[in-house]
C-alpha atoms as a PDB file:
ATOM      1  CA  MET A   1     -18.067  75.275  -4.528  1.00  0.00           C
ATOM      2  CA  PRO A   2     -21.278  73.497  -3.472  1.00  0.00           C
ATOM      3  CA  THR A   3     -22.480  70.459  -5.386  1.00  0.00           C
ATOM      4  CA  ASP A   4     -25.808  70.367  -7.197  1.00  0.00           C
ATOM      5  CA  GLN A   5     -27.106  68.125  -4.409  1.00  0.00           C
ATOM      6  CA  GLU A   6     -26.124  70.689  -1.778  1.00  0.00           C
ATOM      7  CA  LEU A   7     -27.751  73.486  -3.780  1.00  0.00           C
ATOM      8  CA  TYR A   8     -30.861  71.350  -4.217  1.00  0.00           C
ATOM      9  CA  ASP A   9     -30.995  70.729  -0.472  1.00  0.00           C
ATOM     10  CA  GLN A  10     -30.901  74.508   0.122  1.00  0.00           C
ATOM     11  CA  LEU A  11     -33.638  75.042  -2.445  1.00  0.00           C
ATOM     12  CA  ALA A  12     -35.739  72.244  -0.967  1.00  0.00           C
ATOM     13  CA  LEU A  13     -35.581  73.912   2.426  1.00  0.00           C
ATOM     14  CA  TYR A  14     -36.754  77.154   0.815  1.00  0.00           C
ATOM     15  CA  THR A  15     -39.677  75.553  -1.054  1.00  0.00           C
ATOM     16  CA  LEU A  16     -40.803  73.489   1.930  1.00  0.00           C
ATOM     17  CA  GLU A  17     -40.758  76.561   4.177  1.00  0.00           C
ATOM     18  CA  LEU A  18     -43.086  78.347   1.740  1.00  0.00           C
ATOM     19  CA  ARG A  19     -45.978  76.103   2.793  1.00  0.00           C
ATOM     20  CA  ASP A  20     -47.713  77.323  -0.341  1.00  0.00           C
ATOM     21  CA  PRO A  21     -50.978  75.694  -1.453  1.00  0.00           C
ATOM     22  CA  ALA A  22     -49.569  75.128  -4.952  1.00  0.00           C
ATOM     23  CA  PHE A  23     -46.698  73.084  -3.417  1.00  0.00           C
ATOM     24  CA  LEU A  24     -43.860  74.499  -5.522  1.00  0.00           C
ATOM     25  CA  HIS A  25     -41.594  71.950  -3.860  1.00  0.00           C
ATOM     26  CA  GLN A  26     -42.938  69.164  -6.103  1.00  0.00           C
ATOM     27  CA  ASN A  27     -41.701  71.022  -9.181  1.00  0.00           C
ATOM     28  CA  ILE A  28     -38.120  71.178  -7.921  1.00  0.00           C
ATOM     29  CA  VAL A  29     -38.195  67.493  -7.007  1.00  0.00           C
ATOM     30  CA  ASP A  30     -39.291  66.604 -10.534  1.00  0.00           C
ATOM     31  CA  ALA A  31     -36.859  68.972 -12.279  1.00  0.00           C
ATOM     32  CA  PHE A  32     -33.879  67.814 -10.228  1.00  0.00           C
ATOM     33  CA  THR A  33     -34.721  64.120 -10.597  1.00  0.00           C
ATOM     34  CA  ALA A  34     -35.222  64.351 -14.365  1.00  0.00           C
ATOM     35  CA  GLN A  35     -32.100  66.465 -14.853  1.00  0.00           C
ATOM     36  CA  HIS A  36     -29.868  64.178 -12.800  1.00  0.00           C
ATOM     37  CA  ALA A  37     -31.288  60.851 -13.977  1.00  0.00           C
ATOM     38  CA  GLY A  38     -28.704  58.259 -14.847  1.00  0.00           C
ATOM     39  CA  ALA A  39     -28.200  54.540 -15.191  1.00  0.00           C
ATOM     40  CA  ASP A  40     -28.509  54.078 -11.422  1.00  0.00           C
ATOM     41  CA  THR A  41     -31.795  56.015 -11.161  1.00  0.00           C
ATOM     42  CA  LYS A  42     -34.848  53.823 -10.658  1.00  0.00           C
ATOM     43  CA  PRO A  43     -37.209  53.896 -13.656  1.00  0.00           C
ATOM     44  CA  ILE A  44     -40.161  54.838 -11.422  1.00  0.00           C
ATOM     45  CA  ALA A  45     -38.310  57.986 -10.305  1.00  0.00           C
ATOM     46  CA  ILE A  46     -37.632  59.019 -13.904  1.00  0.00           C
ATOM     47  CA  VAL A  47     -41.178  58.341 -15.116  1.00  0.00           C
ATOM     48  CA  PHE A  48     -42.767  60.109 -12.151  1.00  0.00           C
ATOM     49  CA  ALA A  49     -40.471  63.132 -12.570  1.00  0.00           C
ATOM     50  CA  LEU A  50     -41.317  63.372 -16.265  1.00  0.00           C
ATOM     51  CA  ILE A  51     -45.034  62.927 -15.613  1.00  0.00           C
ATOM     52  CA  GLY A  52     -44.719  65.751 -13.082  1.00  0.00           C
ATOM     53  CA  LEU A  53     -43.032  68.072 -15.559  1.00  0.00           C
ATOM     54  CA  TYR A  54     -45.536  67.192 -18.283  1.00  0.00           C
ATOM     55  CA  LEU A  55     -48.556  67.777 -16.035  1.00  0.00           C
ATOM     56  CA  HIS A  56     -47.160  71.002 -14.619  1.00  0.00           C
ATOM     57  CA  LEU A  57     -45.935  72.583 -17.847  1.00  0.00           C
ATOM     58  CA  GLU A  58     -48.396  71.300 -20.413  1.00  0.00           C
ATOM     59  CA  LYS A  59     -51.529  70.717 -18.347  1.00  0.00           C
ATOM     60  CA  ASN A  60     -51.080  73.521 -15.798  1.00  0.00           C
ATOM     61  CA  PHE A  61     -51.193  71.235 -12.776  1.00  0.00           C
ATOM     62  CA  THR A  62     -49.993  72.729  -9.521  1.00  0.00           C
ATOM     63  CA  GLY A  63     -47.318  70.915  -7.592  1.00  0.00           C
ATOM     64  CA  ARG A  64     -50.028  69.662  -5.226  1.00  0.00           C
ATOM     65  CA  GLN A  65     -52.037  68.240  -8.144  1.00  0.00           C
ATOM     66  CA  VAL A  66     -48.878  66.566  -9.478  1.00  0.00           C
ATOM     67  CA  GLN A  67     -48.208  65.082  -6.037  1.00  0.00           C
ATOM     68  CA  LEU A  68     -51.735  63.634  -5.971  1.00  0.00           C
ATOM     69  CA  ALA A  69     -51.246  62.204  -9.481  1.00  0.00           C
ATOM     70  CA  HIS A  70     -48.011  60.548  -8.330  1.00  0.00           C
ATOM     71  CA  MET A  71     -49.836  59.046  -5.355  1.00  0.00           C
ATOM     72  CA  ARG A  72     -52.563  57.707  -7.625  1.00  0.00           C
ATOM     73  CA  MET A  73     -50.007  56.136  -9.962  1.00  0.00           C
ATOM     74  CA  ALA A  74     -48.021  54.645  -7.067  1.00  0.00           C
ATOM     75  CA  ARG A  75     -51.077  52.719  -5.847  1.00  0.00           C
ATOM     76  CA  GLN A  76     -51.071  50.701  -9.063  1.00  0.00           C
ATOM     77  CA  HIS A  77     -47.830  48.853  -8.207  1.00  0.00           C
ATOM     78  CA  LYS A  78     -46.836  48.780 -11.867  1.00  0.00           C
ATOM     79  CA  HIS A  79     -43.387  48.049 -13.251  1.00  0.00           C
ATOM     80  CA  TRP A  80     -42.198  51.215 -14.970  1.00  0.00           C
ATOM     81  CA  ASN A  81     -39.814  51.407 -17.916  1.00  0.00           C
ATOM     82  CA  ALA A  82     -37.795  54.592 -18.246  1.00  0.00           C
ATOM     83  CA  PRO A  83     -37.506  56.300 -21.618  1.00  0.00           C
ATOM     84  CA  PRO A  84     -34.085  56.874 -23.217  1.00  0.00           C
ATOM     85  CA  PHE A  85     -31.962  59.543 -21.598  1.00  0.00           C
ATOM     86  CA  PRO A  86     -31.683  62.929 -23.298  1.00  0.00           C
ATOM     87  CA  THR A  87     -28.721  63.546 -25.557  1.00  0.00           C
ATOM     88  CA  GLU A  88     -28.374  67.173 -24.500  1.00  0.00           C
ATOM     89  CA  ALA A  89     -28.128  68.882 -21.132  1.00  0.00           C
ATOM     90  CA  ALA A  90     -30.606  71.443 -19.852  1.00  0.00           C
ATOM     91  CA  SER A  91     -29.393  75.009 -20.051  1.00  0.00           C
ATOM     92  CA  VAL A  92     -30.783  75.866 -16.603  1.00  0.00           C
ATOM     93  CA  GLY A  93     -29.996  74.069 -13.385  1.00  0.00           C
ATOM     94  CA  VAL A  94     -30.473  74.348  -9.656  1.00  0.00           C
ATOM     95  CA  ALA A  95     -27.529  76.779  -9.389  1.00  0.00           C
ATOM     96  CA  HIS A  96     -29.401  79.294 -11.566  1.00  0.00           C
ATOM     97  CA  VAL A  97     -32.427  79.061  -9.283  1.00  0.00           C
ATOM     98  CA  ILE A  98     -30.634  79.326  -5.948  1.00  0.00           C
ATOM     99  CA  ALA A  99     -28.575  82.285  -7.227  1.00  0.00           C
ATOM    100  CA  LEU A 100     -31.699  84.436  -7.228  1.00  0.00           C
ATOM    101  CA  PRO A 101     -33.071  86.024  -4.071  1.00  0.00           C
ATOM    102  CA  PRO A 102     -35.963  84.254  -2.339  1.00  0.00           C
ATOM    103  CA  GLY A 103     -39.334  85.392  -3.600  1.00  0.00           C
ATOM    104  CA  PRO A 104     -41.005  85.929  -6.971  1.00  0.00           C
ATOM    105  CA  GLN A 105     -37.771  85.928  -9.021  1.00  0.00           C
ATOM    106  CA  ARG A 106     -36.627  82.603  -7.601  1.00  0.00           C
ATOM    107  CA  ASP A 107     -40.108  81.112  -7.912  1.00  0.00           C
ATOM    108  CA  ALA A 108     -40.283  82.161 -11.581  1.00  0.00           C
ATOM    109  CA  MET A 109     -36.845  80.679 -12.217  1.00  0.00           C
ATOM    110  CA  ILE A 110     -38.087  77.341 -10.877  1.00  0.00           C
ATOM    111  CA  ARG A 111     -40.559  77.248 -13.755  1.00  0.00           C
ATOM    112  CA  THR A 112     -37.807  78.230 -16.209  1.00  0.00           C
ATOM    113  CA  TRP A 113     -35.700  75.375 -14.832  1.00  0.00           C
ATOM    114  CA  CYS A 114     -38.594  72.933 -15.257  1.00  0.00           C
ATOM    115  CA  GLU A 115     -39.081  74.110 -18.850  1.00  0.00           C
ATOM    116  CA  SER A 116     -35.384  73.713 -19.624  1.00  0.00           C
ATOM    117  CA  VAL A 117     -35.289  70.164 -18.258  1.00  0.00           C
ATOM    118  CA  TRP A 118     -38.543  69.179 -19.979  1.00  0.00           C
ATOM    119  CA  ARG A 119     -37.170  70.421 -23.334  1.00  0.00           C
ATOM    120  CA  THR A 120     -34.300  67.927 -23.095  1.00  0.00           C
ATOM    121  CA  TRP A 121     -36.786  65.065 -22.669  1.00  0.00           C
ATOM    122  CA  GLN A 122     -38.998  66.060 -25.652  1.00  0.00           C
ATOM    123  CA  PRO A 123     -38.139  62.913 -27.649  1.00  0.00           C
ATOM    124  CA  SER A 124     -39.987  61.014 -24.866  1.00  0.00           C
ATOM    125  CA  ARG A 125     -42.991  63.342 -24.724  1.00  0.00           C
ATOM    126  CA  ALA A 126     -45.370  60.955 -26.531  1.00  0.00           C
ATOM    127  CA  PHE A 127     -44.330  58.123 -24.197  1.00  0.00           C
ATOM    128  CA  ILE A 128     -45.018  60.275 -21.113  1.00  0.00           C
ATOM    129  CA  ALA A 129     -48.295  61.650 -22.513  1.00  0.00           C
ATOM    130  CA  ALA A 130     -49.458  58.069 -23.159  1.00  0.00           C
ATOM    131  CA  ILE A 131     -48.731  57.110 -19.543  1.00  0.00           C
ATOM    132  CA  ALA A 132     -50.633  60.180 -18.309  1.00  0.00           C
ATOM    133  CA  ARG A 133     -53.567  59.229 -20.519  1.00  0.00           C
ATOM    134  CA  GLU A 134     -53.583  55.554 -19.491  1.00  0.00           C
ATOM    135  CA  GLN A 135     -52.879  55.993 -15.794  1.00  0.00           C
ATOM    136  CA  LEU A 136     -54.543  59.312 -15.034  1.00  0.00           C
ATOM    137  CA  GLY A 137     -57.059  59.902 -17.816  1.00  0.00           C
ATOM    138  CA  VAL A 138     -55.247  63.081 -18.896  1.00  0.00           C
ATOM    139  CA  THR A 139     -55.969  63.846 -22.534  1.00  0.00           C
ATOM    140  CA  ASP A 140     -53.233  65.166 -24.784  1.00  0.00           C
END
């Protein structure tokens, strides 16, 4: 049975080959990073993943727009503090996404995965929204 990392690698190949203007690949990077965050994950990776999910799901940013926001934040060379880890696991994971055939069904499941992961981080929503406001000028 493949690991989540192996499934993610397969999915990453799929999303990168799409070469879509919306850059769906960014959404899987953020969902996977946020879902698999642990004590050894760098705080910047967690914060950026959560900012990506917040911007995509709540502010309707495309993956490309999220990528540009990440680049803008990275230029600030700030020390990032990660919020507390979720107490519950997401109900959707990379295995659910890769199980679907390539195309619209899989692409829609990527959003469902992002939503599932973002729900687990809701106790940190205000923290993430504040960072988006301060760093990117995104209003809540």
